[in-house]
Amino acid sequence: MAADPSVPTAEGPGEGDLSLHLLGGFRLLHATAHIVVPRGLQRVIALIGLRPGATRSQLAGLLWPDVSEERALSSLRTALWRLRQDPCCPMVVAGDTVRLSPAVRLDVDDLVGTAERVRNGDDPRTTAGALVAGRHDLLPGWYDDWVLLDRERLRQLRLHMLEQVSAQHLAAGRHGEALEAALEAMAAEPLRETPHRLVVRIHLAEGNAFEAVHAFYVYRDLLRRELRLEPSPAMSALLDDTLAPIRAATRPAVGRDTAIRPSPAGRRT
């Protein structure tokens, strides 16, 4: 591994902060300098970051699941030896366990920490980074089983975080911020009902009946087109009061239309 010489840095390669980015793709940075890491070692570093304190056997089994344990452990020993020869080595070995160095900042930890603060009820205005945290998927283009599992875990974590942020803003009457968080969740998963339901609730809280009805029917049409499903009764119930006058006004008209029908001979009956 080596720092990219095209990006200048004022410190030596072993000094200063290291940051590991796994959301949106693998990047290991020393300050602002990209550290070039071979793809095979990227997998090792990424797994160590996602499985802090994992034993060598656990790491080897996840990284090389199709070979014998002895061969997998041998491959891991070689990979760890190569990593430890570099002054920018981002890990520490303690007995049988391997973890990232405490000096390494991991973007996945930032996402998890932000989600935890939101879950604990922190004022969403103090967690403004929630909207951008985890905006990109974990290691896109990687298809290892352990990546797929953590990718979905982090995606669900972010969706629930955004929905909670939106609900907290809505409860506090901050409709603009609530809508922004709901739309961010909607962009991440367009078919998920919860953010669409929040959008309808926000528009109703602002008194924008047209916007609420429009948002409902846009989601209903999307759901019908993509999955041949209908919105849940809970979402439909949000508009019961809004649509009740319209439904009541149309019932008599429907009754009059059905009361007078042309007879088979074309005469009124």
Protein backbone atom coordinates (compact mmCIF):
# COMPACT_ATOMS: atom_id res chain seq x y z
CA MET A 1 0.00 0.00 0.00
CA ALA A 2 1.15 3.52 -0.67
CA ALA A 3 -0.27 7.02 -0.56
CA ASP A 4 -1.23 8.36 -3.97
CA PRO A 5 1.61 10.72 -4.94
CA SER A 6 -0.77 12.84 -7.01
CA VAL A 7 -2.36 14.09 -3.79
CA PRO A 8 0.14 16.04 -1.67
CA THR A 9 0.25 15.69 2.09
CA ALA A 10 2.36 17.63 4.55
CA GLU A 11 2.98 14.66 6.83
CA GLY A 12 4.83 11.41 6.50
CA PRO A 13 2.90 8.31 5.43
CA GLY A 14 2.66 6.96 8.95
CA GLU A 15 1.46 10.14 10.62
CA GLY A 16 -1.86 11.89 10.93
CA ASP A 17 -5.39 10.49 10.71
CA LEU A 18 -6.49 7.56 8.63
CA SER A 19 -10.07 7.20 7.45
CA LEU A 20 -11.71 4.16 5.91
CA HIS A 21 -14.71 4.68 3.65
CA LEU A 22 -16.87 1.69 2.74
CA LEU A 23 -20.09 3.50 1.82
CA GLY A 24 -20.11 4.20 -1.90
CA GLY A 25 -16.94 2.19 -2.49
CA PHE A 26 -13.66 1.32 -0.79
CA ARG A 27 -11.37 4.25 0.00
CA LEU A 28 -8.55 4.40 2.52
CA LEU A 29 -7.30 7.93 3.10
CA HIS A 30 -4.37 9.43 4.94
CA ALA A 31 -5.57 12.97 5.53
CA THR A 32 -6.65 13.77 1.95
CA ALA A 33 -4.26 11.38 0.21
CA HIS A 34 -5.69 8.20 -1.26
CA ILE A 35 -3.83 5.07 -0.22
CA VAL A 36 -3.63 2.53 -3.01
CA VAL A 37 -4.71 -0.90 -1.74
CA PRO A 38 -4.80 -4.09 -3.88
CA ARG A 39 -8.29 -5.54 -4.23
CA GLY A 40 -7.46 -8.68 -2.24
CA LEU A 41 -6.29 -6.62 0.73
CA GLN A 42 -9.29 -4.31 0.38
CA ARG A 43 -11.52 -7.27 1.24
CA VAL A 44 -9.47 -8.03 4.34
CA ILE A 45 -9.48 -4.43 5.58
CA ALA A 46 -13.20 -3.99 4.87
CA LEU A 47 -14.15 -7.13 6.77
CA ILE A 48 -11.97 -6.18 9.74
CA GLY A 49 -13.74 -2.81 9.81
CA LEU A 50 -17.19 -4.41 9.72
CA ARG A 51 -16.38 -7.19 12.20
CA PRO A 52 -14.42 -5.46 14.98
CA GLY A 53 -12.65 -7.91 17.25
CA ALA A 54 -13.34 -10.94 15.04
CA THR A 55 -11.04 -13.90 15.51
CA ARG A 56 -8.69 -15.07 12.79
CA SER A 57 -10.82 -18.19 12.22
CA GLN A 58 -13.95 -16.08 11.77
CA LEU A 59 -12.25 -13.72 9.33
CA ALA A 60 -10.68 -16.55 7.35
CA GLY A 61 -13.98 -18.41 7.09
CA LEU A 62 -15.79 -15.35 5.73
CA LEU A 63 -13.04 -14.31 3.32
CA TRP A 64 -12.31 -17.78 1.90
CA PRO A 65 -15.46 -19.84 2.49
CA ASP A 66 -14.77 -22.35 -0.30
CA VAL A 67 -11.42 -23.68 0.89
CA SER A 68 -10.31 -25.67 3.91
CA GLU A 69 -9.86 -23.89 7.23
CA GLU A 70 -6.13 -24.53 7.17
CA ARG A 71 -5.74 -22.97 3.74
CA ALA A 72 -8.00 -20.04 4.63
CA LEU A 73 -5.97 -19.31 7.76
CA SER A 74 -2.77 -19.49 5.74
CA SER A 75 -4.16 -16.95 3.24
CA LEU A 76 -5.17 -14.68 6.11
CA ARG A 77 -1.71 -14.86 7.71
CA THR A 78 -0.16 -13.84 4.39
CA ALA A 79 -2.60 -10.94 3.97
CA LEU A 80 -2.03 -9.69 7.52
CA TRP A 81 1.73 -9.92 7.09
CA ARG A 82 1.52 -7.82 3.92
CA LEU A 83 -0.63 -5.22 5.65
CA ARG A 84 1.68 -4.92 8.66
CA GLN A 85 4.69 -4.21 6.44
CA ASP A 86 3.13 -0.91 5.39
CA PRO A 87 3.52 2.22 7.56
CA CYS A 88 -0.11 3.09 6.74
CA CYS A 89 -1.35 -0.23 8.15
CA PRO A 90 -4.86 0.53 9.52
CA MET A 91 -5.19 -2.43 11.88
CA VAL A 92 -3.94 -3.84 15.14
CA VAL A 93 -3.59 -7.48 16.15
CA ALA A 94 -4.23 -8.50 19.75
CA GLY A 95 -3.78 -12.19 20.35
CA ASP A 96 -6.22 -14.04 18.12
CA THR A 97 -8.30 -10.99 17.27
CA VAL A 98 -7.81 -8.31 14.62
CA ARG A 99 -9.41 -4.87 14.57
CA LEU A 100 -8.96 -1.44 13.04
CA SER A 101 -6.55 0.87 14.77
CA PRO A 102 -8.28 3.35 17.10
CA ALA A 103 -6.80 6.12 14.93
CA VAL A 104 -8.84 5.00 11.91
CA ARG A 105 -12.18 6.71 11.37
CA LEU A 106 -14.78 4.45 9.72
CA ASP A 107 -17.73 6.00 7.88
CA VAL A 108 -19.95 3.04 8.80
CA ASP A 109 -19.38 3.88 12.48
CA ASP A 110 -20.45 7.46 11.78
CA LEU A 111 -23.73 6.22 10.28
CA VAL A 112 -24.39 3.82 13.15
CA GLY A 113 -23.58 6.51 15.72
CA THR A 114 -25.90 9.04 14.09
CA ALA A 115 -28.71 6.49 13.93
CA GLU A 116 -28.22 5.67 17.61
CA ARG A 117 -28.44 9.33 18.62
CA VAL A 118 -31.66 9.72 16.63
CA ARG A 119 -33.06 6.53 18.17
CA ASN A 120 -32.25 7.84 21.66
CA GLY A 121 -34.37 10.91 21.01
CA ASP A 122 -31.71 13.54 20.31
CA ASP A 123 -33.07 16.72 18.78
CA PRO A 124 -32.91 16.06 15.01
CA ARG A 125 -31.53 19.57 14.52
CA THR A 126 -28.37 18.40 16.29
CA THR A 127 -28.08 15.42 13.94
CA ALA A 128 -28.28 17.32 10.68
CA GLY A 129 -25.84 14.84 9.18
CA ALA A 130 -28.57 12.21 9.30
CA LEU A 131 -29.79 13.20 5.84
CA VAL A 132 -26.46 12.56 4.16
CA ALA A 133 -25.16 9.77 6.45
CA GLY A 134 -25.16 6.49 4.59
CA ARG A 135 -26.54 8.01 1.41
CA HIS A 136 -24.52 5.49 -0.60
CA ASP A 137 -24.72 1.71 -0.35
CA LEU A 138 -22.06 -0.37 1.35
CA LEU A 139 -19.35 -1.45 -1.10
CA PRO A 140 -21.44 -1.38 -4.30
CA GLY A 141 -20.37 -4.02 -6.79
CA TRP A 142 -19.15 -6.40 -4.07
CA TYR A 143 -21.18 -9.60 -3.77
CA ASP A 144 -19.60 -11.48 -0.87
CA ASP A 145 -22.25 -12.89 1.45
CA TRP A 146 -20.96 -10.83 4.38
CA VAL A 147 -21.17 -7.66 2.30
CA LEU A 148 -24.75 -8.35 1.18
CA LEU A 149 -25.83 -8.97 4.76
CA ASP A 150 -24.30 -5.76 6.11
CA ARG A 151 -25.44 -3.75 3.09
CA GLU A 152 -29.07 -4.57 3.81
CA ARG A 153 -28.60 -4.03 7.56
CA LEU A 154 -27.20 -0.54 7.02
CA ARG A 155 -29.83 0.31 4.40
CA GLN A 156 -32.62 -0.55 6.82
CA LEU A 157 -30.85 1.32 9.61
CA ARG A 158 -30.71 4.47 7.51
CA LEU A 159 -34.32 4.22 6.35
CA HIS A 160 -35.62 3.92 9.91
CA MET A 161 -33.36 6.78 11.00
CA LEU A 162 -34.67 9.10 8.29
CA GLU A 163 -38.27 8.20 9.06
CA GLN A 164 -37.74 8.87 12.76
CA VAL A 165 -36.08 12.21 11.99
CA SER A 166 -39.05 13.14 9.79
CA ALA A 167 -41.57 12.11 12.46
CA GLN A 168 -39.72 14.10 15.14
CA HIS A 169 -39.69 17.22 12.98
CA LEU A 170 -43.38 16.74 12.20
CA ALA A 171 -44.27 16.42 15.88
CA ALA A 172 -42.38 19.66 16.56
CA GLY A 173 -44.16 21.48 13.73
CA ARG A 174 -41.03 21.81 11.58
CA HIS A 175 -42.78 20.77 8.39
CA GLY A 176 -40.05 21.76 5.95
CA GLU A 177 -37.42 19.69 7.74
CA ALA A 178 -39.87 16.81 8.15
CA LEU A 179 -40.61 16.78 4.43
CA GLU A 180 -36.92 16.89 3.54
CA ALA A 181 -36.16 13.81 5.64
CA ALA A 182 -39.20 11.92 4.33
CA LEU A 183 -38.25 12.67 0.72
CA GLU A 184 -34.69 11.50 1.42
CA ALA A 185 -36.06 8.18 2.67
CA MET A 186 -38.39 7.98 -0.31
CA ALA A 187 -35.50 8.46 -2.72
CA ALA A 188 -33.61 5.64 -1.02
CA GLU A 189 -36.55 3.21 -1.34
CA PRO A 190 -39.37 4.47 -3.61
CA LEU A 191 -41.71 1.53 -2.95
CA ARG A 192 -41.51 1.69 0.84
CA GLU A 193 -44.82 2.98 2.21
CA THR A 194 -43.68 4.63 5.44
CA PRO A 195 -42.00 7.70 3.89
CA HIS A 196 -44.96 8.21 1.52
CA ARG A 197 -47.29 8.05 4.50
CA LEU A 198 -45.18 10.67 6.26
CA VAL A 199 -45.36 12.95 3.22
CA VAL A 200 -49.16 12.73 3.25
CA ARG A 201 -49.25 13.48 6.98
CA ILE A 202 -46.93 16.47 6.57
CA HIS A 203 -49.05 18.00 3.81
CA LEU A 204 -52.21 17.51 5.87
CA ALA A 205 -50.54 19.12 8.90
CA GLU A 206 -49.75 22.14 6.73
CA GLY A 207 -53.33 22.26 5.45
CA ASN A 208 -52.31 21.36 1.89
CA ALA A 209 -55.10 18.94 1.05
CA PHE A 210 -54.33 18.92 -2.67
CA GLU A 211 -50.67 18.04 -2.06
CA ALA A 212 -51.69 15.27 0.33
CA VAL A 213 -54.16 13.72 -2.11
CA HIS A 214 -51.70 14.08 -4.98
CA ALA A 215 -48.93 12.35 -2.97
CA PHE A 216 -51.29 9.51 -2.11
CA TYR A 217 -52.34 8.84 -5.69
CA VAL A 218 -48.79 9.10 -7.01
CA TYR A 219 -47.77 6.35 -4.57
CA ARG A 220 -50.88 4.27 -5.29
CA ASP A 221 -50.21 4.37 -9.04
CA LEU A 222 -46.54 3.46 -8.48
CA LEU A 223 -47.49 0.53 -6.26
CA ARG A 224 -50.07 -0.74 -8.73
CA ARG A 225 -47.67 -0.45 -11.65
CA GLU A 226 -44.66 -2.06 -9.99
CA LEU A 227 -46.18 -4.62 -7.62
CA ARG A 228 -49.91 -4.76 -8.44
CA LEU A 229 -50.65 -3.89 -4.84
CA GLU A 230 -52.75 -1.25 -3.08
CA PRO A 231 -51.65 1.09 -0.28
CA SER A 232 -52.33 -0.23 3.20
CA PRO A 233 -55.59 0.59 5.01
CA ALA A 234 -53.54 2.70 7.42
CA MET A 235 -52.36 4.95 4.60
CA SER A 236 -55.79 5.15 2.98
CA ALA A 237 -57.31 6.12 6.33
CA LEU A 238 -55.12 9.23 6.45
CA LEU A 239 -57.29 10.81 3.76
CA ASP A 240 -60.70 9.67 5.01
CA ASP A 241 -61.57 13.04 6.52
CA THR A 242 -60.19 14.95 3.53
CA LEU A 243 -62.06 12.90 0.95
CA ALA A 244 -65.28 12.45 2.95
CA PRO A 245 -66.95 15.66 1.62
CA ILE A 246 -66.09 14.72 -1.96
CA ARG A 247 -67.49 11.22 -1.54
CA ALA A 248 -70.63 12.54 0.12
CA ALA A 249 -71.16 15.04 -2.69
CA THR A 250 -70.86 12.42 -5.41
CA ARG A 251 -73.22 9.83 -3.91
CA PRO A 252 -76.51 11.60 -4.82
CA ALA A 253 -75.27 12.16 -8.37
CA VAL A 254 -74.51 8.50 -8.71
CA GLY A 255 -77.98 7.68 -7.43
CA ARG A 256 -79.65 9.93 -10.01
CA ASP A 257 -77.64 8.45 -12.85
CA THR A 258 -78.63 4.92 -11.93
CA ALA A 259 -82.32 5.78 -11.39
CA ILE A 260 -82.96 6.62 -15.04
CA ARG A 261 -81.82 4.05 -17.52
CA PRO A 262 -82.75 3.60 -21.17
CA SER A 263 -85.01 0.63 -21.83
CA PRO A 264 -83.98 -1.97 -24.41
CA ALA A 265 -86.24 -0.16 -26.91
CA GLY A 266 -84.59 3.17 -26.20
CA ARG A 267 -87.51 4.44 -24.03
CA ARG A 268 -87.06 5.79 -20.50
CA THR A 269 -88.41 3.56 -17.77
